[in-house]
């Protein structure tokens, strides 16, 4: 089976979509993962069954996740809601799938500051090793623990940064001269429809700047049919498609610029008074700083339906300039 590439969604391959997953939201706590895959084997303390286990580096924000390779890579996050039994050992269960005797490994991970890791094993119980957490600690120290750092670009009161999180969320704040002013818009492309929330937001410009830009060889194809033309009283060619169409268009631009990273971002993007130059500067920093991200994957979702751009489902009611 061949892999296929698209501009925004990067690589679809073998039923998975690959992403750049980025890190760490709190500068006082740099999230960490193991530097390289680690392998362990032995028998389960209670089951006596042989088991092979691997610890794989994972993106920040993903936490500790157990994966049963003998059961189609079924995953169980190490969280309280998945606790199944605590008689003589701590076991996790989700949808009838069991992971047993997790406490020694979990203790070593948290004790050594490893926040994010994928634990692959081919049986229901972790290997007991020497009955302590020491073999894990020795392996972590030998292989190394990687610090996952944030990536951001700052210029005066302008800012753009990427932080860990589920989905692909963007929060953008703009501050333009009147009649636009200050506005903020947030969207999560994993839970909200790009076609309905972002796609229809048009580019815009101030009529007072028109001649200057044309003299620079710019906007020669611009007109009321393809751009919002702003005067001091508001849009000359209203109504707007969204009451906050300007900031939504900045989000549209940002998504396109971040596509230049070659993968879809998985995480939270915050931008304040940014623009194309800062968007692409962030991409350049991501590409150069390989320690700040890892490849993550998620099942490929069904394509979203094409929205009816002439319909009434594009967003909040529009306003007209006063």
C-alpha atoms as a PDB file:
ATOM      1  CA  UNK A   1       0.000   0.000   0.000  1.00  0.00           C
ATOM      2  CA  UNK A   2       1.355   3.423  -0.928  1.00  0.00           C
ATOM      3  CA  UNK A   3       1.174   6.514   1.236  1.00  0.00           C
ATOM      4  CA  UNK A   4      -0.597   9.591  -0.077  1.00  0.00           C
ATOM      5  CA  UNK A   5       0.205  13.218   0.706  1.00  0.00           C
ATOM      6  CA  UNK A   6      -2.053  16.244   0.972  1.00  0.00           C
ATOM      7  CA  UNK A   7      -1.166  19.861   1.681  1.00  0.00           C
ATOM      8  CA  UNK A   8      -2.736  20.257   5.106  1.00  0.00           C
ATOM      9  CA  UNK A   9      -3.125  16.748   6.380  1.00  0.00           C
ATOM     10  CA  UNK A  10       0.397  15.637   5.451  1.00  0.00           C
ATOM     11  CA  UNK A  11       0.741  11.880   5.108  1.00  0.00           C
ATOM     12  CA  UNK A  12      -2.078   9.331   5.111  1.00  0.00           C
ATOM     13  CA  UNK A  13      -0.529   5.885   5.302  1.00  0.00           C
ATOM     14  CA  UNK A  14      -1.843   2.471   6.325  1.00  0.00           C
ATOM     15  CA  UNK A  15      -4.967   4.009   7.818  1.00  0.00           C
ATOM     16  CA  UNK A  16      -3.178   6.570   9.986  1.00  0.00           C
ATOM     17  CA  UNK A  17      -2.581  10.280   9.662  1.00  0.00           C
ATOM     18  CA  UNK A  18       0.748  11.650  10.825  1.00  0.00           C
ATOM     19  CA  UNK A  19       1.230  14.920  12.685  1.00  0.00           C
ATOM     20  CA  UNK A  20       3.788  17.181  14.248  1.00  0.00           C
ATOM     21  CA  UNK A  21       3.029  17.007  17.956  1.00  0.00           C
ATOM     22  CA  UNK A  22       4.430  19.906  19.932  1.00  0.00           C
ATOM     23  CA  UNK A  23       5.227  20.693  23.514  1.00  0.00           C
ATOM     24  CA  UNK A  24       5.320  22.144  26.528  1.00  0.00           C
ATOM     25  CA  UNK A  25       2.762  24.622  27.880  1.00  0.00           C
ATOM     26  CA  UNK A  26       4.262  25.399  31.275  1.00  0.00           C
ATOM     27  CA  UNK A  27       7.818  26.768  31.339  1.00  0.00           C
ATOM     28  CA  UNK A  28       8.182  25.679  34.990  1.00  0.00           C
ATOM     29  CA  UNK A  29       7.634  22.056  34.030  1.00  0.00           C
ATOM     30  CA  UNK A  30       9.254  20.861  30.831  1.00  0.00           C
ATOM     31  CA  UNK A  31       7.487  17.652  29.826  1.00  0.00           C
ATOM     32  CA  UNK A  32       9.724  14.660  29.230  1.00  0.00           C
ATOM     33  CA  UNK A  33       9.814  11.321  27.465  1.00  0.00           C
ATOM     34  CA  UNK A  34      12.369   8.550  27.018  1.00  0.00           C
ATOM     35  CA  UNK A  35      15.150   9.380  24.593  1.00  0.00           C
ATOM     36  CA  UNK A  36      14.811   6.136  22.599  1.00  0.00           C
ATOM     37  CA  UNK A  37      12.797   2.884  22.633  1.00  0.00           C
ATOM     38  CA  UNK A  38      13.564   0.571  25.564  1.00  0.00           C
ATOM     39  CA  UNK A  39      12.904  -3.186  25.610  1.00  0.00           C
ATOM     40  CA  UNK A  40      12.189  -5.472  28.575  1.00  0.00           C
ATOM     41  CA  UNK A  41      11.178  -9.127  28.818  1.00  0.00           C
ATOM     42  CA  UNK A  42      10.360 -11.590  31.565  1.00  0.00           C
ATOM     43  CA  UNK A  43       7.346 -13.204  33.181  1.00  0.00           C
ATOM     44  CA  UNK A  44       4.305 -11.816  34.931  1.00  0.00           C
ATOM     45  CA  UNK A  45       4.385 -12.049  38.719  1.00  0.00           C
ATOM     46  CA  UNK A  46       0.856 -13.481  39.027  1.00  0.00           C
ATOM     47  CA  UNK A  47       0.202 -15.002  35.606  1.00  0.00           C
ATOM     48  CA  UNK A  48       3.649 -16.556  35.154  1.00  0.00           C
ATOM     49  CA  UNK A  49       3.195 -15.821  31.452  1.00  0.00           C
ATOM     50  CA  UNK A  50       6.132 -14.663  29.322  1.00  0.00           C
ATOM     51  CA  UNK A  51       5.878 -11.075  28.119  1.00  0.00           C
ATOM     52  CA  UNK A  52       7.904  -8.717  25.963  1.00  0.00           C
ATOM     53  CA  UNK A  53       7.512  -4.993  26.585  1.00  0.00           C
ATOM     54  CA  UNK A  54       8.769  -1.852  24.845  1.00  0.00           C
ATOM     55  CA  UNK A  55       8.698   1.775  26.010  1.00  0.00           C
ATOM     56  CA  UNK A  56       8.417   4.224  23.123  1.00  0.00           C
ATOM     57  CA  UNK A  57       8.914   8.032  23.143  1.00  0.00           C
ATOM     58  CA  UNK A  58       5.602   9.890  23.025  1.00  0.00           C
ATOM     59  CA  UNK A  59       4.534  13.488  22.377  1.00  0.00           C
ATOM     60  CA  UNK A  60       3.994  15.871  25.272  1.00  0.00           C
ATOM     61  CA  UNK A  61       0.435  15.967  26.484  1.00  0.00           C
ATOM     62  CA  UNK A  62      -0.170  12.315  25.575  1.00  0.00           C
ATOM     63  CA  UNK A  63       0.546  10.911  29.046  1.00  0.00           C
ATOM     64  CA  UNK A  64       1.314   7.250  29.741  1.00  0.00           C
ATOM     65  CA  UNK A  65      -0.544   4.873  27.450  1.00  0.00           C
ATOM     66  CA  UNK A  66      -0.422   1.078  27.473  1.00  0.00           C
ATOM     67  CA  UNK A  67      -0.768  -0.698  24.135  1.00  0.00           C
ATOM     68  CA  UNK A  68      -1.567  -4.422  23.767  1.00  0.00           C
ATOM     69  CA  UNK A  69       0.293  -5.459  20.605  1.00  0.00           C
ATOM     70  CA  UNK A  70      -1.283  -8.913  20.819  1.00  0.00           C
ATOM     71  CA  UNK A  71      -4.758  -7.335  20.583  1.00  0.00           C
ATOM     72  CA  UNK A  72      -4.495  -5.103  17.506  1.00  0.00           C
ATOM     73  CA  UNK A  73      -2.593  -2.395  19.402  1.00  0.00           C
ATOM     74  CA  UNK A  74      -5.540  -1.726  21.719  1.00  0.00           C
ATOM     75  CA  UNK A  75      -4.678   1.245  23.962  1.00  0.00           C
ATOM     76  CA  UNK A  76      -5.451   1.897  27.633  1.00  0.00           C
ATOM     77  CA  UNK A  77      -4.410   5.271  29.086  1.00  0.00           C
ATOM     78  CA  UNK A  78      -2.954   5.070  32.603  1.00  0.00           C
ATOM     79  CA  UNK A  79      -5.672   7.102  34.310  1.00  0.00           C
ATOM     80  CA  UNK A  80      -7.897   6.540  37.333  1.00  0.00           C
ATOM     81  CA  UNK A  81     -11.005   5.953  35.247  1.00  0.00           C
ATOM     82  CA  UNK A  82      -9.404   2.791  33.836  1.00  0.00           C
ATOM     83  CA  UNK A  83      -8.468   1.194  37.184  1.00  0.00           C
ATOM     84  CA  UNK A  84      -9.920  -2.330  37.284  1.00  0.00           C
ATOM     85  CA  UNK A  85      -8.477  -4.252  40.247  1.00  0.00           C
ATOM     86  CA  UNK A  86      -6.082  -3.437  43.077  1.00  0.00           C
ATOM     87  CA  UNK A  87      -5.875  -6.822  44.816  1.00  0.00           C
ATOM     88  CA  UNK A  88      -2.144  -7.642  45.181  1.00  0.00           C
ATOM     89  CA  UNK A  89      -1.475  -5.553  42.055  1.00  0.00           C
ATOM     90  CA  UNK A  90      -2.883  -2.547  40.213  1.00  0.00           C
ATOM     91  CA  UNK A  91      -4.642  -3.457  36.974  1.00  0.00           C
ATOM     92  CA  UNK A  92      -6.186  -1.321  34.251  1.00  0.00           C
ATOM     93  CA  UNK A  93      -9.069  -2.283  32.006  1.00  0.00           C
ATOM     94  CA  UNK A  94     -10.916  -0.706  29.103  1.00  0.00           C
ATOM     95  CA  UNK A  95     -13.616  -2.363  27.038  1.00  0.00           C
ATOM     96  CA  UNK A  96     -12.755  -5.714  28.570  1.00  0.00           C
ATOM     97  CA  UNK A  97      -9.028  -5.519  27.770  1.00  0.00           C
ATOM     98  CA  UNK A  98      -6.753  -5.942  30.812  1.00  0.00           C
ATOM     99  CA  UNK A  99      -3.290  -4.658  31.724  1.00  0.00           C
ATOM    100  CA  UNK A 100      -2.019  -6.042  35.023  1.00  0.00           C
ATOM    101  CA  UNK A 101       0.696  -5.176  37.568  1.00  0.00           C
ATOM    102  CA  UNK A 102       1.400  -1.659  36.358  1.00  0.00           C
ATOM    103  CA  UNK A 103       2.546  -0.091  39.619  1.00  0.00           C
ATOM    104  CA  UNK A 104       6.317  -0.642  39.428  1.00  0.00           C
ATOM    105  CA  UNK A 105       6.668   0.828  35.945  1.00  0.00           C
ATOM    106  CA  UNK A 106       4.353   3.738  36.719  1.00  0.00           C
ATOM    107  CA  UNK A 107       6.328   4.491  39.854  1.00  0.00           C
ATOM    108  CA  UNK A 108       9.598   4.548  37.911  1.00  0.00           C
ATOM    109  CA  UNK A 109       8.194   6.752  35.162  1.00  0.00           C
ATOM    110  CA  UNK A 110       6.783   9.390  37.473  1.00  0.00           C
ATOM    111  CA  UNK A 111       9.675   9.110  39.912  1.00  0.00           C
ATOM    112  CA  UNK A 112      12.128   9.835  37.097  1.00  0.00           C
ATOM    113  CA  UNK A 113       9.992  12.597  35.577  1.00  0.00           C
ATOM    114  CA  UNK A 114       8.828  10.783  32.449  1.00  0.00           C
ATOM    115  CA  UNK A 115       5.412  12.283  31.621  1.00  0.00           C
ATOM    116  CA  UNK A 116       4.751  10.761  28.218  1.00  0.00           C
ATOM    117  CA  UNK A 117       5.415   7.265  26.935  1.00  0.00           C
ATOM    118  CA  UNK A 118       3.785   4.448  24.981  1.00  0.00           C
ATOM    119  CA  UNK A 119       4.107   1.069  26.745  1.00  0.00           C
ATOM    120  CA  UNK A 120       3.771  -1.798  24.286  1.00  0.00           C
ATOM    121  CA  UNK A 121       3.370  -5.337  25.607  1.00  0.00           C
ATOM    122  CA  UNK A 122       2.299  -8.633  24.081  1.00  0.00           C
ATOM    123  CA  UNK A 123       0.493 -10.122  27.081  1.00  0.00           C
ATOM    124  CA  UNK A 124      -1.827  -9.011  29.858  1.00  0.00           C
ATOM    125  CA  UNK A 125       0.773  -8.536  32.625  1.00  0.00           C
ATOM    126  CA  UNK A 126       3.937  -6.451  32.798  1.00  0.00           C
ATOM    127  CA  UNK A 127       7.194  -8.349  33.471  1.00  0.00           C
ATOM    128  CA  UNK A 128       8.124  -8.418  37.144  1.00  0.00           C
ATOM    129  CA  UNK A 129      11.896  -8.189  36.397  1.00  0.00           C
ATOM    130  CA  UNK A 130      13.690  -8.158  39.788  1.00  0.00           C
ATOM    131  CA  UNK A 131      10.551  -7.204  41.726  1.00  0.00           C
ATOM    132  CA  UNK A 132      11.485  -3.518  41.996  1.00  0.00           C
ATOM    133  CA  UNK A 133      11.632  -0.384  39.847  1.00  0.00           C
ATOM    134  CA  UNK A 134      15.438  -0.436  39.670  1.00  0.00           C
ATOM    135  CA  UNK A 135      15.732  -2.064  36.198  1.00  0.00           C
ATOM    136  CA  UNK A 136      13.552   0.672  34.755  1.00  0.00           C
ATOM    137  CA  UNK A 137      15.558   3.462  36.368  1.00  0.00           C
ATOM    138  CA  UNK A 138      18.817   1.959  35.107  1.00  0.00           C
ATOM    139  CA  UNK A 139      17.398   1.745  31.594  1.00  0.00           C
ATOM    140  CA  UNK A 140      16.170   5.352  31.691  1.00  0.00           C
ATOM    141  CA  UNK A 141      19.561   6.599  32.859  1.00  0.00           C
ATOM    142  CA  UNK A 142      21.405   4.583  30.215  1.00  0.00           C
ATOM    143  CA  UNK A 143      19.196   5.702  27.319  1.00  0.00           C
ATOM    144  CA  UNK A 144      18.478   9.231  28.545  1.00  0.00           C
ATOM    145  CA  UNK A 145      15.333  11.235  29.174  1.00  0.00           C
ATOM    146  CA  UNK A 146      14.386  13.845  26.622  1.00  0.00           C
ATOM    147  CA  UNK A 147      13.045  17.270  27.567  1.00  0.00           C
ATOM    148  CA  UNK A 148      10.308  18.490  25.245  1.00  0.00           C
ATOM    149  CA  UNK A 149      10.474  22.235  24.774  1.00  0.00           C
ATOM    150  CA  UNK A 150       7.952  24.839  23.599  1.00  0.00           C
ATOM    151  CA  UNK A 151       8.341  26.624  20.287  1.00  0.00           C
ATOM    152  CA  UNK A 152       7.314  30.245  19.935  1.00  0.00           C
ATOM    153  CA  UNK A 153       8.223  33.452  18.113  1.00  0.00           C
ATOM    154  CA  UNK A 154       7.971  36.890  19.743  1.00  0.00           C
ATOM    155  CA  UNK A 155       8.394  40.380  18.338  1.00  0.00           C
ATOM    156  CA  UNK A 156       7.389  43.240  20.613  1.00  0.00           C
ATOM    157  CA  UNK A 157       3.695  42.786  21.376  1.00  0.00           C
ATOM    158  CA  UNK A 158       3.362  40.181  18.617  1.00  0.00           C
ATOM    159  CA  UNK A 159       3.478  36.502  19.455  1.00  0.00           C
ATOM    160  CA  UNK A 160       2.836  33.024  18.075  1.00  0.00           C
ATOM    161  CA  UNK A 161       3.510  29.709  19.802  1.00  0.00           C
ATOM    162  CA  UNK A 162       2.643  25.997  19.754  1.00  0.00           C
ATOM    163  CA  UNK A 163       1.823  24.016  22.907  1.00  0.00           C
ATOM    164  CA  UNK A 164       0.669  20.476  23.658  1.00  0.00           C
ATOM    165  CA  UNK A 165      -2.943  19.439  23.568  1.00  0.00           C
ATOM    166  CA  UNK A 166      -5.445  17.104  21.977  1.00  0.00           C
ATOM    167  CA  UNK A 167      -6.725  17.934  18.532  1.00  0.00           C
ATOM    168  CA  UNK A 168      -5.580  20.964  16.545  1.00  0.00           C
ATOM    169  CA  UNK A 169      -6.830  24.103  18.233  1.00  0.00           C
ATOM    170  CA  UNK A 170      -6.057  27.690  17.292  1.00  0.00           C
ATOM    171  CA  UNK A 171      -6.697  30.872  19.250  1.00  0.00           C
ATOM    172  CA  UNK A 172      -5.975  34.079  17.341  1.00  0.00           C
ATOM    173  CA  UNK A 173      -6.164  37.661  18.611  1.00  0.00           C
ATOM    174  CA  UNK A 174      -6.075  40.592  16.190  1.00  0.00           C
ATOM    175  CA  UNK A 175      -5.815  44.324  16.797  1.00  0.00           C
ATOM    176  CA  UNK A 176      -6.353  46.435  13.685  1.00  0.00           C
ATOM    177  CA  UNK A 177      -7.264  50.099  13.206  1.00  0.00           C
ATOM    178  CA  UNK A 178     -10.966  50.987  13.124  1.00  0.00           C
ATOM    179  CA  UNK A 179     -13.406  49.730  12.131  1.00  0.00           C
ATOM    180  CA  UNK A 180     -11.973  46.273  12.955  1.00  0.00           C
ATOM    181  CA  UNK A 181     -10.377  46.863  16.342  1.00  0.00           C
ATOM    182  CA  UNK A 182      -9.536  44.019  18.738  1.00  0.00           C
ATOM    183  CA  UNK A 183     -11.100  40.574  18.306  1.00  0.00           C
ATOM    184  CA  UNK A 184     -10.334  36.962  19.226  1.00  0.00           C
ATOM    185  CA  UNK A 185     -11.456  33.671  17.726  1.00  0.00           C
ATOM    186  CA  UNK A 186     -10.820  30.076  18.811  1.00  0.00           C
ATOM    187  CA  UNK A 187     -11.443  26.893  16.863  1.00  0.00           C
ATOM    188  CA  UNK A 188     -10.541  23.208  17.266  1.00  0.00           C
ATOM    189  CA  UNK A 189     -10.245  21.548  13.876  1.00  0.00           C
ATOM    190  CA  UNK A 190     -10.745  18.118  15.464  1.00  0.00           C
ATOM    191  CA  UNK A 191     -14.190  18.935  16.840  1.00  0.00           C
ATOM    192  CA  UNK A 192     -15.446  21.764  14.627  1.00  0.00           C
ATOM    193  CA  UNK A 193     -15.964  21.896  10.888  1.00  0.00           C
ATOM    194  CA  UNK A 194     -13.377  23.866   8.939  1.00  0.00           C
ATOM    195  CA  UNK A 195     -15.789  24.228   6.040  1.00  0.00           C
ATOM    196  CA  UNK A 196     -18.462  25.870   8.189  1.00  0.00           C
ATOM    197  CA  UNK A 197     -16.292  27.875  10.585  1.00  0.00           C
ATOM    198  CA  UNK A 198     -13.238  29.030   8.611  1.00  0.00           C
ATOM    199  CA  UNK A 199     -13.336  28.399   4.859  1.00  0.00           C
ATOM    200  CA  UNK A 200     -15.717  31.224   3.889  1.00  0.00           C
ATOM    201  CA  UNK A 201     -13.823  34.016   5.688  1.00  0.00           C
ATOM    202  CA  UNK A 202     -12.493  36.438   3.045  1.00  0.00           C
ATOM    203  CA  UNK A 203      -9.329  38.478   2.826  1.00  0.00           C
ATOM    204  CA  UNK A 204      -9.690  42.185   3.633  1.00  0.00           C
ATOM    205  CA  UNK A 205      -7.972  45.520   3.273  1.00  0.00           C
ATOM    206  CA  UNK A 206      -8.372  49.241   3.904  1.00  0.00           C
ATOM    207  CA  UNK A 207      -9.488  51.401   0.991  1.00  0.00           C
ATOM    208  CA  UNK A 208      -7.114  54.127   2.183  1.00  0.00           C
ATOM    209  CA  UNK A 209      -4.164  51.799   1.500  1.00  0.00           C
ATOM    210  CA  UNK A 210      -5.331  50.733  -1.963  1.00  0.00           C
ATOM    211  CA  UNK A 211      -3.267  53.051  -4.116  1.00  0.00           C
ATOM    212  CA  UNK A 212      -0.093  52.589  -2.088  1.00  0.00           C
ATOM    213  CA  UNK A 213      -0.365  48.823  -2.404  1.00  0.00           C
ATOM    214  CA  UNK A 214      -1.095  48.987  -6.124  1.00  0.00           C
ATOM    215  CA  UNK A 215       1.989  51.177  -6.597  1.00  0.00           C
ATOM    216  CA  UNK A 216       3.972  48.395  -4.913  1.00  0.00           C
ATOM    217  CA  UNK A 217       2.670  45.908  -7.478  1.00  0.00           C
ATOM    218  CA  UNK A 218       0.234  44.340  -5.033  1.00  0.00           C
ATOM    219  CA  UNK A 219      -3.558  43.712  -4.931  1.00  0.00           C
ATOM    220  CA  UNK A 220      -3.919  44.327  -8.693  1.00  0.00           C
ATOM    221  CA  UNK A 221      -6.527  41.569  -8.840  1.00  0.00           C
ATOM    222  CA  UNK A 222      -8.399  42.679  -5.743  1.00  0.00           C
ATOM    223  CA  UNK A 223     -11.946  43.938  -5.900  1.00  0.00           C
ATOM    224  CA  UNK A 224     -15.279  43.852  -4.086  1.00  0.00           C
ATOM    225  CA  UNK A 225     -15.977  40.379  -5.477  1.00  0.00           C
ATOM    226  CA  UNK A 226     -12.982  38.790  -3.702  1.00  0.00           C
ATOM    227  CA  UNK A 227     -12.058  41.006  -0.738  1.00  0.00           C
ATOM    228  CA  UNK A 228     -13.697  42.986   2.049  1.00  0.00           C
ATOM    229  CA  UNK A 229     -12.987  46.658   1.358  1.00  0.00           C
ATOM    230  CA  UNK A 230     -12.918  48.698   4.536  1.00  0.00           C
ATOM    231  CA  UNK A 231     -13.667  52.371   5.000  1.00  0.00           C
ATOM    232  CA  UNK A 232     -13.752  54.312   8.248  1.00  0.00           C
ATOM    233  CA  UNK A 233     -17.450  53.466   8.542  1.00  0.00           C
ATOM    234  CA  UNK A 234     -17.131  49.721   7.964  1.00  0.00           C
ATOM    235  CA  UNK A 235     -17.123  47.287   5.049  1.00  0.00           C
ATOM    236  CA  UNK A 236     -17.931  49.027   1.765  1.00  0.00           C
ATOM    237  CA  UNK A 237     -19.186  45.792   0.248  1.00  0.00           C
ATOM    238  CA  UNK A 238     -21.014  44.226   3.187  1.00  0.00           C
ATOM    239  CA  UNK A 239     -22.677  42.340   4.649  1.00  0.00           C
ATOM    240  CA  UNK A 240     -20.011  40.201   6.260  1.00  0.00           C
ATOM    241  CA  UNK A 241     -20.291  36.427   6.183  1.00  0.00           C
ATOM    242  CA  UNK A 242     -19.467  36.296   9.902  1.00  0.00           C
ATOM    243  CA  UNK A 243     -19.620  39.006  12.517  1.00  0.00           C
ATOM    244  CA  UNK A 244     -15.933  38.226  13.204  1.00  0.00           C
ATOM    245  CA  UNK A 245     -14.911  37.460   9.610  1.00  0.00           C
ATOM    246  CA  UNK A 246     -11.607  39.375   9.893  1.00  0.00           C
ATOM    247  CA  UNK A 247     -10.116  37.261  12.674  1.00  0.00           C
ATOM    248  CA  UNK A 248     -11.478  34.094  11.104  1.00  0.00           C
ATOM    249  CA  UNK A 249      -9.605  34.942   7.928  1.00  0.00           C
ATOM    250  CA  UNK A 250      -6.405  35.337   9.937  1.00  0.00           C
ATOM    251  CA  UNK A 251      -7.001  31.818  11.273  1.00  0.00           C
ATOM    252  CA  UNK A 252      -7.490  30.624   7.681  1.00  0.00           C
ATOM    253  CA  UNK A 253      -4.150  32.194   6.716  1.00  0.00           C
ATOM    254  CA  UNK A 254      -2.423  30.686   9.740  1.00  0.00           C
ATOM    255  CA  UNK A 255      -3.628  27.159   8.962  1.00  0.00           C
ATOM    256  CA  UNK A 256      -2.285  27.511   5.429  1.00  0.00           C
ATOM    257  CA  UNK A 257       1.070  28.862   6.584  1.00  0.00           C
ATOM    258  CA  UNK A 258       1.528  26.126   9.206  1.00  0.00           C
ATOM    259  CA  UNK A 259       0.922  23.524   6.494  1.00  0.00           C
ATOM    260  CA  UNK A 260       4.458  24.390   5.346  1.00  0.00           C
ATOM    261  CA  UNK A 261       5.736  22.359   8.293  1.00  0.00           C
ATOM    262  CA  UNK A 262       4.866  19.352   6.137  1.00  0.00           C
ATOM    263  CA  UNK A 263       2.570  17.798   8.734  1.00  0.00           C
ATOM    264  CA  UNK A 264      -0.654  18.774  10.429  1.00  0.00           C
ATOM    265  CA  UNK A 265      -0.045  20.252  13.881  1.00  0.00           C
ATOM    266  CA  UNK A 266      -1.363  18.323  16.858  1.00  0.00           C
ATOM    267  CA  UNK A 267      -1.562  20.714  19.763  1.00  0.00           C
ATOM    268  CA  UNK A 268      -2.602  24.244  20.664  1.00  0.00           C
ATOM    269  CA  UNK A 269      -1.561  27.259  18.622  1.00  0.00           C
ATOM    270  CA  UNK A 270      -1.825  30.755  20.076  1.00  0.00           C
ATOM    271  CA  UNK A 271      -1.255  33.873  17.963  1.00  0.00           C
ATOM    272  CA  UNK A 272      -1.460  37.531  18.922  1.00  0.00           C
ATOM    273  CA  UNK A 273      -1.149  40.300  16.331  1.00  0.00           C
ATOM    274  CA  UNK A 274       0.864  37.943  14.149  1.00  0.00           C
ATOM    275  CA  UNK A 275       0.959  37.717  10.352  1.00  0.00           C
ATOM    276  CA  UNK A 276       2.439  35.712   7.496  1.00  0.00           C
ATOM    277  CA  UNK A 277       6.028  36.576   8.469  1.00  0.00           C
ATOM    278  CA  UNK A 278       5.593  35.322  12.031  1.00  0.00           C
ATOM    279  CA  UNK A 279       3.561  32.294  10.913  1.00  0.00           C
ATOM    280  CA  UNK A 280       6.345  31.155   8.603  1.00  0.00           C
ATOM    281  CA  UNK A 281       9.025  32.055  11.160  1.00  0.00           C
ATOM    282  CA  UNK A 282       7.360  29.589  13.522  1.00  0.00           C
ATOM    283  CA  UNK A 283       7.436  26.935  10.798  1.00  0.00           C
ATOM    284  CA  UNK A 284      11.150  27.565  10.248  1.00  0.00           C
ATOM    285  CA  UNK A 285      11.820  27.221  13.953  1.00  0.00           C
ATOM    286  CA  UNK A 286       9.850  23.962  14.111  1.00  0.00           C
ATOM    287  CA  UNK A 287      11.767  22.512  11.192  1.00  0.00           C
ATOM    288  CA  UNK A 288      15.141  23.479  12.669  1.00  0.00           C
ATOM    289  CA  UNK A 289      14.376  22.390  16.246  1.00  0.00           C
ATOM    290  CA  UNK A 290      13.867  18.635  15.956  1.00  0.00           C
ATOM    291  CA  UNK A 291      13.917  18.271  19.752  1.00  0.00           C
ATOM    292  CA  UNK A 292      10.680  20.250  20.082  1.00  0.00           C
ATOM    293  CA  UNK A 293       8.320  17.818  18.354  1.00  0.00           C
ATOM    294  CA  UNK A 294       7.777  14.213  17.373  1.00  0.00           C
ATOM    295  CA  UNK A 295       5.703  12.403  14.800  1.00  0.00           C
ATOM    296  CA  UNK A 296       2.390  11.246  16.220  1.00  0.00           C
ATOM    297  CA  UNK A 297      -0.418   9.374  14.522  1.00  0.00           C
ATOM    298  CA  UNK A 298      -4.168   9.097  14.685  1.00  0.00           C
ATOM    299  CA  UNK A 299      -6.751   7.096  12.700  1.00  0.00           C
ATOM    300  CA  UNK A 300      -7.833   8.799   9.500  1.00  0.00           C
ATOM    301  CA  UNK A 301     -11.317  10.241   9.921  1.00  0.00           C
ATOM    302  CA  UNK A 302     -14.021  10.181   7.281  1.00  0.00           C
ATOM    303  CA  UNK A 303     -13.934  13.248   5.005  1.00  0.00           C
ATOM    304  CA  UNK A 304     -16.211  16.033   6.156  1.00  0.00           C
ATOM    305  CA  UNK A 305     -19.118  16.929   3.835  1.00  0.00           C
ATOM    306  CA  UNK A 306     -18.689  19.903   1.555  1.00  0.00           C
ATOM    307  CA  UNK A 307     -20.588  22.806   3.146  1.00  0.00           C
ATOM    308  CA  UNK A 308     -23.199  24.865   1.367  1.00  0.00           C
ATOM    309  CA  UNK A 309     -21.468  28.230   1.342  1.00  0.00           C
ATOM    310  CA  UNK A 310     -24.667  29.919   0.235  1.00  0.00           C
ATOM    311  CA  UNK A 311     -26.601  28.522   3.168  1.00  0.00           C
ATOM    312  CA  UNK A 312     -27.236  29.849   6.636  1.00  0.00           C
ATOM    313  CA  UNK A 313     -24.916  27.512   8.535  1.00  0.00           C
ATOM    314  CA  UNK A 314     -21.678  29.448   8.140  1.00  0.00           C
ATOM    315  CA  UNK A 315     -21.557  30.920  11.625  1.00  0.00           C
ATOM    316  CA  UNK A 316     -22.906  33.721  13.759  1.00  0.00           C
ATOM    317  CA  UNK A 317     -25.153  36.389  12.221  1.00  0.00           C
ATOM    318  CA  UNK A 318     -23.206  38.982  10.279  1.00  0.00           C
ATOM    319  CA  UNK A 319     -23.098  42.683  11.047  1.00  0.00           C
ATOM    320  CA  UNK A 320     -22.837  45.618   8.709  1.00  0.00           C
ATOM    321  CA  UNK A 321     -20.668  48.656   9.138  1.00  0.00           C
ATOM    322  CA  UNK A 322     -22.201  51.728  10.728  1.00  0.00           C
END
